[in-house]
Amino acid sequence: MFSKKGKAPYRNSSFGRISEKILQGGRPSRPKHPLAAEWGLNDDMWKLINRCWMEEWEQRPQVGEVLNCVRAALVAFKGSR
């Protein structure tokens, strides 16, 4: 995952600070890096990522759904090359 500037989010933060940010509702914003969409971060993948971050576990996708989405993204990525 990349931040807006194409770098790893929270790269300069301690685990405690990251945990605090997450518990306060902080989430990584969608990268604007030009290669993000080319690397598979399209609208559907971003929706899936946001669902994985849901506070209530019941609202998060099940592992099988995540795997299916990632597999489909890989197939589309390979097909675009």
C-alpha atoms as a PDB file:
ATOM      1  CA  MET A   1       0.000   0.000   0.000  1.00  0.00           C
ATOM      2  CA  PHE A   2       1.196   3.480  -0.761  1.00  0.00           C
ATOM      3  CA  SER A   3       0.372   6.904   0.603  1.00  0.00           C
ATOM      4  CA  LYS A   4      -0.525   9.922  -1.510  1.00  0.00           C
ATOM      5  CA  LYS A   5       3.148  10.459  -2.262  1.00  0.00           C
ATOM      6  CA  GLY A   6       3.814   6.851  -3.300  1.00  0.00           C
ATOM      7  CA  LYS A   7       5.454   5.911  -0.004  1.00  0.00           C
ATOM      8  CA  ALA A   8       4.437   3.432   2.681  1.00  0.00           C
ATOM      9  CA  PRO A   9       1.853   4.979   5.040  1.00  0.00           C
ATOM     10  CA  TYR A  10       2.976   5.559   8.628  1.00  0.00           C
ATOM     11  CA  ARG A  11       6.581   4.753   7.687  1.00  0.00           C
ATOM     12  CA  ASN A  12       7.938   7.190  10.280  1.00  0.00           C
ATOM     13  CA  SER A  13       5.546   6.271  13.100  1.00  0.00           C
ATOM     14  CA  SER A  14       5.949   3.835  15.964  1.00  0.00           C
ATOM     15  CA  PHE A  15       3.591   0.877  16.368  1.00  0.00           C
ATOM     16  CA  GLY A  16       1.984   2.619  19.365  1.00  0.00           C
ATOM     17  CA  ARG A  17       1.318   5.786  17.378  1.00  0.00           C
ATOM     18  CA  ILE A  18      -0.106   3.803  14.459  1.00  0.00           C
ATOM     19  CA  SER A  19      -2.394   1.867  16.809  1.00  0.00           C
ATOM     20  CA  GLU A  20      -3.566   5.113  18.388  1.00  0.00           C
ATOM     21  CA  LYS A  21      -4.359   6.614  14.978  1.00  0.00           C
ATOM     22  CA  ILE A  22      -6.325   3.526  13.939  1.00  0.00           C
ATOM     23  CA  LEU A  23      -8.270   3.351  17.207  1.00  0.00           C
ATOM     24  CA  GLN A  24      -9.218   7.010  16.707  1.00  0.00           C
ATOM     25  CA  GLY A  25     -10.639   6.148  13.276  1.00  0.00           C
ATOM     26  CA  GLY A  26      -7.638   7.131  11.191  1.00  0.00           C
ATOM     27  CA  ARG A  27      -7.276   5.278   7.917  1.00  0.00           C
ATOM     28  CA  PRO A  28      -4.902   5.608   4.988  1.00  0.00           C
ATOM     29  CA  SER A  29      -6.284   7.860   2.269  1.00  0.00           C
ATOM     30  CA  ARG A  30      -6.525   6.649  -1.283  1.00  0.00           C
ATOM     31  CA  PRO A  31      -3.228   7.134  -3.107  1.00  0.00           C
ATOM     32  CA  LYS A  32      -3.199   9.584  -5.989  1.00  0.00           C
ATOM     33  CA  HIS A  33       0.023   8.108  -7.357  1.00  0.00           C
ATOM     34  CA  PRO A  34      -0.252   7.790 -11.153  1.00  0.00           C
ATOM     35  CA  LEU A  35       0.601   4.093 -11.049  1.00  0.00           C
ATOM     36  CA  ALA A  36      -1.946   3.165  -8.348  1.00  0.00           C
ATOM     37  CA  ALA A  37      -4.725   2.287 -10.811  1.00  0.00           C
ATOM     38  CA  GLU A  38      -2.289   0.557 -13.141  1.00  0.00           C
ATOM     39  CA  TRP A  39      -1.121  -1.594 -10.218  1.00  0.00           C
ATOM     40  CA  GLY A  40      -4.703  -2.661  -9.497  1.00  0.00           C
ATOM     41  CA  LEU A  41      -5.991  -0.035  -7.086  1.00  0.00           C
ATOM     42  CA  ASN A  42      -9.177   0.642  -9.016  1.00  0.00           C
ATOM     43  CA  ASP A  43     -12.521   1.697  -7.510  1.00  0.00           C
ATOM     44  CA  ASP A  44     -13.591  -1.870  -6.727  1.00  0.00           C
ATOM     45  CA  MET A  45     -10.331  -2.679  -4.952  1.00  0.00           C
ATOM     46  CA  TRP A  46     -10.502   0.559  -2.957  1.00  0.00           C
ATOM     47  CA  LYS A  47     -14.056  -0.296  -1.855  1.00  0.00           C
ATOM     48  CA  LEU A  48     -12.839  -3.710  -0.728  1.00  0.00           C
ATOM     49  CA  ILE A  49      -9.941  -2.149   1.196  1.00  0.00           C
ATOM     50  CA  ASN A  50     -12.338   0.234   2.945  1.00  0.00           C
ATOM     51  CA  ARG A  51     -14.615  -2.641   3.885  1.00  0.00           C
ATOM     52  CA  CYS A  52     -11.606  -4.437   5.416  1.00  0.00           C
ATOM     53  CA  TRP A  53     -11.077  -1.387   7.639  1.00  0.00           C
ATOM     54  CA  MET A  54     -14.650  -1.396   9.000  1.00  0.00           C
ATOM     55  CA  GLU A  55     -14.691  -1.063  12.775  1.00  0.00           C
ATOM     56  CA  GLU A  56     -17.373  -3.734  13.245  1.00  0.00           C
ATOM     57  CA  TRP A  57     -15.989  -7.106  12.195  1.00  0.00           C
ATOM     58  CA  GLU A  58     -19.400  -8.221  10.944  1.00  0.00           C
ATOM     59  CA  GLN A  59     -19.215  -5.529   8.268  1.00  0.00           C
ATOM     60  CA  ARG A  60     -15.835  -6.696   6.979  1.00  0.00           C
ATOM     61  CA  PRO A  61     -15.646  -9.069   3.994  1.00  0.00           C
ATOM     62  CA  GLN A  62     -14.951 -12.718   4.629  1.00  0.00           C
ATOM     63  CA  VAL A  63     -11.589 -14.127   3.577  1.00  0.00           C
ATOM     64  CA  GLY A  64     -13.106 -15.987   0.618  1.00  0.00           C
ATOM     65  CA  GLU A  65     -14.538 -12.767  -0.779  1.00  0.00           C
ATOM     66  CA  VAL A  66     -11.192 -10.994  -0.390  1.00  0.00           C
ATOM     67  CA  LEU A  67      -9.400 -13.854  -2.146  1.00  0.00           C
ATOM     68  CA  ASN A  68     -11.902 -13.834  -5.013  1.00  0.00           C
ATOM     69  CA  CYS A  69     -11.494 -10.081  -5.489  1.00  0.00           C
ATOM     70  CA  VAL A  70      -7.699 -10.282  -5.396  1.00  0.00           C
ATOM     71  CA  ARG A  71      -7.682 -13.207  -7.833  1.00  0.00           C
ATOM     72  CA  ALA A  72      -9.953 -11.301 -10.218  1.00  0.00           C
ATOM     73  CA  ALA A  73      -7.695  -8.252  -9.954  1.00  0.00           C
ATOM     74  CA  LEU A  74      -4.624 -10.383 -10.719  1.00  0.00           C
ATOM     75  CA  VAL A  75      -6.287 -11.889 -13.780  1.00  0.00           C
ATOM     76  CA  ALA A  76      -7.277  -8.410 -15.008  1.00  0.00           C
ATOM     77  CA  PHE A  77      -3.762  -7.101 -14.293  1.00  0.00           C
ATOM     78  CA  LYS A  78      -2.112  -9.952 -16.201  1.00  0.00           C
ATOM     79  CA  GLY A  79      -4.563  -9.491 -19.058  1.00  0.00           C
ATOM     80  CA  SER A  80      -3.681  -5.829 -19.361  1.00  0.00           C
ATOM     81  CA  ARG A  81       0.030  -6.545 -19.816  1.00  0.00           C
END
